[in-house]
Amino acid sequence: MKVKIKTWNAVATWRWDIPDDDVCGICQVHFDGTCPTCKYPGDDCSLLSGKCGHNFHMHCIIEWIKQDSAKGQCPMCRQSRRSHICVYRALG
């Protein structure tokens, strides 16, 4: 008996390498969801983390840092963030 595959539909999933219950410290949306700026979750809305360990959607922390009152500090613990932001990569 010979089987011939006519079509193939691939399915992929992804998740961020952070705790499942973690949310953005600014918008309070889970990282598997979208920030208020984005339509779809994914690489267009990377997660950023400071040396302090707090995590944020890229768009949320960029808007926060633009505010005069932010003074380049983490919105959660007020540590200086400017030189300590690094990008998390999506797991594939």
C-alpha atoms as a PDB file:
ATOM      1  CA  MET A   1       0.000   0.000   0.000  1.00  0.00           C
ATOM      2  CA  LYS A   2       1.366   3.399  -1.005  1.00  0.00           C
ATOM      3  CA  VAL A   3       0.205   6.687   0.523  1.00  0.00           C
ATOM      4  CA  LYS A   4       0.512   9.983  -1.328  1.00  0.00           C
ATOM      5  CA  ILE A   5       0.250  13.257   0.592  1.00  0.00           C
ATOM      6  CA  LYS A   6      -1.699  15.817  -1.422  1.00  0.00           C
ATOM      7  CA  THR A   7      -1.429  18.783   0.933  1.00  0.00           C
ATOM      8  CA  TRP A   8       0.551  19.628   4.025  1.00  0.00           C
ATOM      9  CA  ASN A   9      -0.442  22.233   6.624  1.00  0.00           C
ATOM     10  CA  ALA A  10       2.283  23.152   9.093  1.00  0.00           C
ATOM     11  CA  VAL A  11       1.397  24.568  12.495  1.00  0.00           C
ATOM     12  CA  ALA A  12       3.855  26.350  14.752  1.00  0.00           C
ATOM     13  CA  THR A  13       3.656  27.839  18.222  1.00  0.00           C
ATOM     14  CA  TRP A  14       5.943  30.181  20.089  1.00  0.00           C
ATOM     15  CA  ARG A  15       6.282  31.636  23.540  1.00  0.00           C
ATOM     16  CA  TRP A  16       8.546  34.041  25.371  1.00  0.00           C
ATOM     17  CA  ASP A  17      11.181  32.595  27.692  1.00  0.00           C
ATOM     18  CA  ILE A  18       9.645  34.133  30.825  1.00  0.00           C
ATOM     19  CA  PRO A  19       7.238  32.898  33.525  1.00  0.00           C
ATOM     20  CA  ASP A  20       3.738  32.135  32.207  1.00  0.00           C
ATOM     21  CA  ASP A  21       2.034  34.484  34.664  1.00  0.00           C
ATOM     22  CA  ASP A  22       4.282  37.480  33.927  1.00  0.00           C
ATOM     23  CA  VAL A  23       2.653  40.633  32.544  1.00  0.00           C
ATOM     24  CA  CYS A  24       3.991  43.921  31.189  1.00  0.00           C
ATOM     25  CA  GLY A  25       4.691  46.245  34.105  1.00  0.00           C
ATOM     26  CA  ILE A  26       3.156  49.171  32.212  1.00  0.00           C
ATOM     27  CA  CYS A  27       0.049  47.955  30.344  1.00  0.00           C
ATOM     28  CA  GLN A  28      -0.550  44.840  32.535  1.00  0.00           C
ATOM     29  CA  VAL A  29      -1.186  42.635  29.461  1.00  0.00           C
ATOM     30  CA  HIS A  30       0.285  39.106  29.380  1.00  0.00           C
ATOM     31  CA  PHE A  31       3.303  38.813  27.105  1.00  0.00           C
ATOM     32  CA  ASP A  32       1.567  36.179  24.968  1.00  0.00           C
ATOM     33  CA  GLY A  33      -1.000  38.877  24.168  1.00  0.00           C
ATOM     34  CA  THR A  34      -0.370  42.196  22.460  1.00  0.00           C
ATOM     35  CA  CYS A  35       0.587  45.571  23.799  1.00  0.00           C
ATOM     36  CA  PRO A  36      -1.904  48.412  23.182  1.00  0.00           C
ATOM     37  CA  THR A  37       0.143  49.551  20.141  1.00  0.00           C
ATOM     38  CA  CYS A  38       0.287  46.202  18.278  1.00  0.00           C
ATOM     39  CA  LYS A  39      -2.347  44.200  16.444  1.00  0.00           C
ATOM     40  CA  TYR A  40      -0.603  40.800  16.657  1.00  0.00           C
ATOM     41  CA  PRO A  41       1.799  39.274  19.199  1.00  0.00           C
ATOM     42  CA  GLY A  42       5.239  38.312  17.971  1.00  0.00           C
ATOM     43  CA  ASP A  43       8.626  39.620  16.981  1.00  0.00           C
ATOM     44  CA  ASP A  44       7.273  43.063  16.028  1.00  0.00           C
ATOM     45  CA  CYS A  45       6.604  43.621  19.714  1.00  0.00           C
ATOM     46  CA  SER A  46       9.738  42.333  21.395  1.00  0.00           C
ATOM     47  CA  LEU A  47      10.026  42.096  25.144  1.00  0.00           C
ATOM     48  CA  LEU A  48      12.588  44.246  26.895  1.00  0.00           C
ATOM     49  CA  SER A  49      14.135  43.623  30.272  1.00  0.00           C
ATOM     50  CA  GLY A  50      16.323  45.800  32.416  1.00  0.00           C
ATOM     51  CA  LYS A  51      19.164  44.790  34.682  1.00  0.00           C
ATOM     52  CA  CYS A  52      16.598  44.973  37.480  1.00  0.00           C
ATOM     53  CA  GLY A  53      14.735  42.047  35.855  1.00  0.00           C
ATOM     54  CA  HIS A  54      11.435  43.803  35.134  1.00  0.00           C
ATOM     55  CA  ASN A  55       9.913  43.003  31.729  1.00  0.00           C
ATOM     56  CA  PHE A  56       7.971  45.242  29.353  1.00  0.00           C
ATOM     57  CA  HIS A  57       6.583  45.292  25.834  1.00  0.00           C
ATOM     58  CA  MET A  58       8.987  47.235  23.632  1.00  0.00           C
ATOM     59  CA  HIS A  59       6.382  49.844  22.678  1.00  0.00           C
ATOM     60  CA  CYS A  60       5.274  50.340  26.288  1.00  0.00           C
ATOM     61  CA  ILE A  61       8.767  51.019  27.656  1.00  0.00           C
ATOM     62  CA  ILE A  62       9.688  53.253  24.704  1.00  0.00           C
ATOM     63  CA  GLU A  63       6.633  55.429  25.392  1.00  0.00           C
ATOM     64  CA  TRP A  64       7.467  55.430  29.110  1.00  0.00           C
ATOM     65  CA  ILE A  65      11.069  56.554  28.522  1.00  0.00           C
ATOM     66  CA  LYS A  66       9.862  59.402  26.262  1.00  0.00           C
ATOM     67  CA  GLN A  67       7.992  60.957  29.200  1.00  0.00           C
ATOM     68  CA  ASP A  68       9.858  63.702  31.048  1.00  0.00           C
ATOM     69  CA  SER A  69       8.825  62.242  34.397  1.00  0.00           C
ATOM     70  CA  ALA A  70      10.388  58.850  33.574  1.00  0.00           C
ATOM     71  CA  LYS A  71      13.974  60.159  33.810  1.00  0.00           C
ATOM     72  CA  GLY A  72      15.182  56.944  32.117  1.00  0.00           C
ATOM     73  CA  GLN A  73      14.142  54.861  35.112  1.00  0.00           C
ATOM     74  CA  CYS A  74      12.331  51.535  35.362  1.00  0.00           C
ATOM     75  CA  PRO A  75       8.622  52.253  36.005  1.00  0.00           C
ATOM     76  CA  MET A  76       8.520  49.443  38.577  1.00  0.00           C
ATOM     77  CA  CYS A  77      11.583  50.005  40.790  1.00  0.00           C
ATOM     78  CA  ARG A  78      12.968  53.349  39.506  1.00  0.00           C
ATOM     79  CA  GLN A  79      16.440  51.950  38.750  1.00  0.00           C
ATOM     80  CA  SER A  80      18.190  53.579  35.811  1.00  0.00           C
ATOM     81  CA  ARG A  81      17.286  51.645  32.631  1.00  0.00           C
ATOM     82  CA  ARG A  82      18.924  53.576  29.829  1.00  0.00           C
ATOM     83  CA  SER A  83      22.129  51.571  29.687  1.00  0.00           C
ATOM     84  CA  HIS A  84      20.683  48.231  30.810  1.00  0.00           C
ATOM     85  CA  ILE A  85      17.890  47.377  28.338  1.00  0.00           C
ATOM     86  CA  CYS A  86      18.335  44.140  26.408  1.00  0.00           C
ATOM     87  CA  VAL A  87      16.042  42.316  23.981  1.00  0.00           C
ATOM     88  CA  TYR A  88      14.530  38.913  24.709  1.00  0.00           C
ATOM     89  CA  ARG A  89      14.340  36.583  21.718  1.00  0.00           C
ATOM     90  CA  ALA A  90      11.290  34.523  20.843  1.00  0.00           C
ATOM     91  CA  LEU A  91      11.695  30.781  21.210  1.00  0.00           C
ATOM     92  CA  GLY A  92      11.162  28.963  17.950  1.00  0.00           C
END
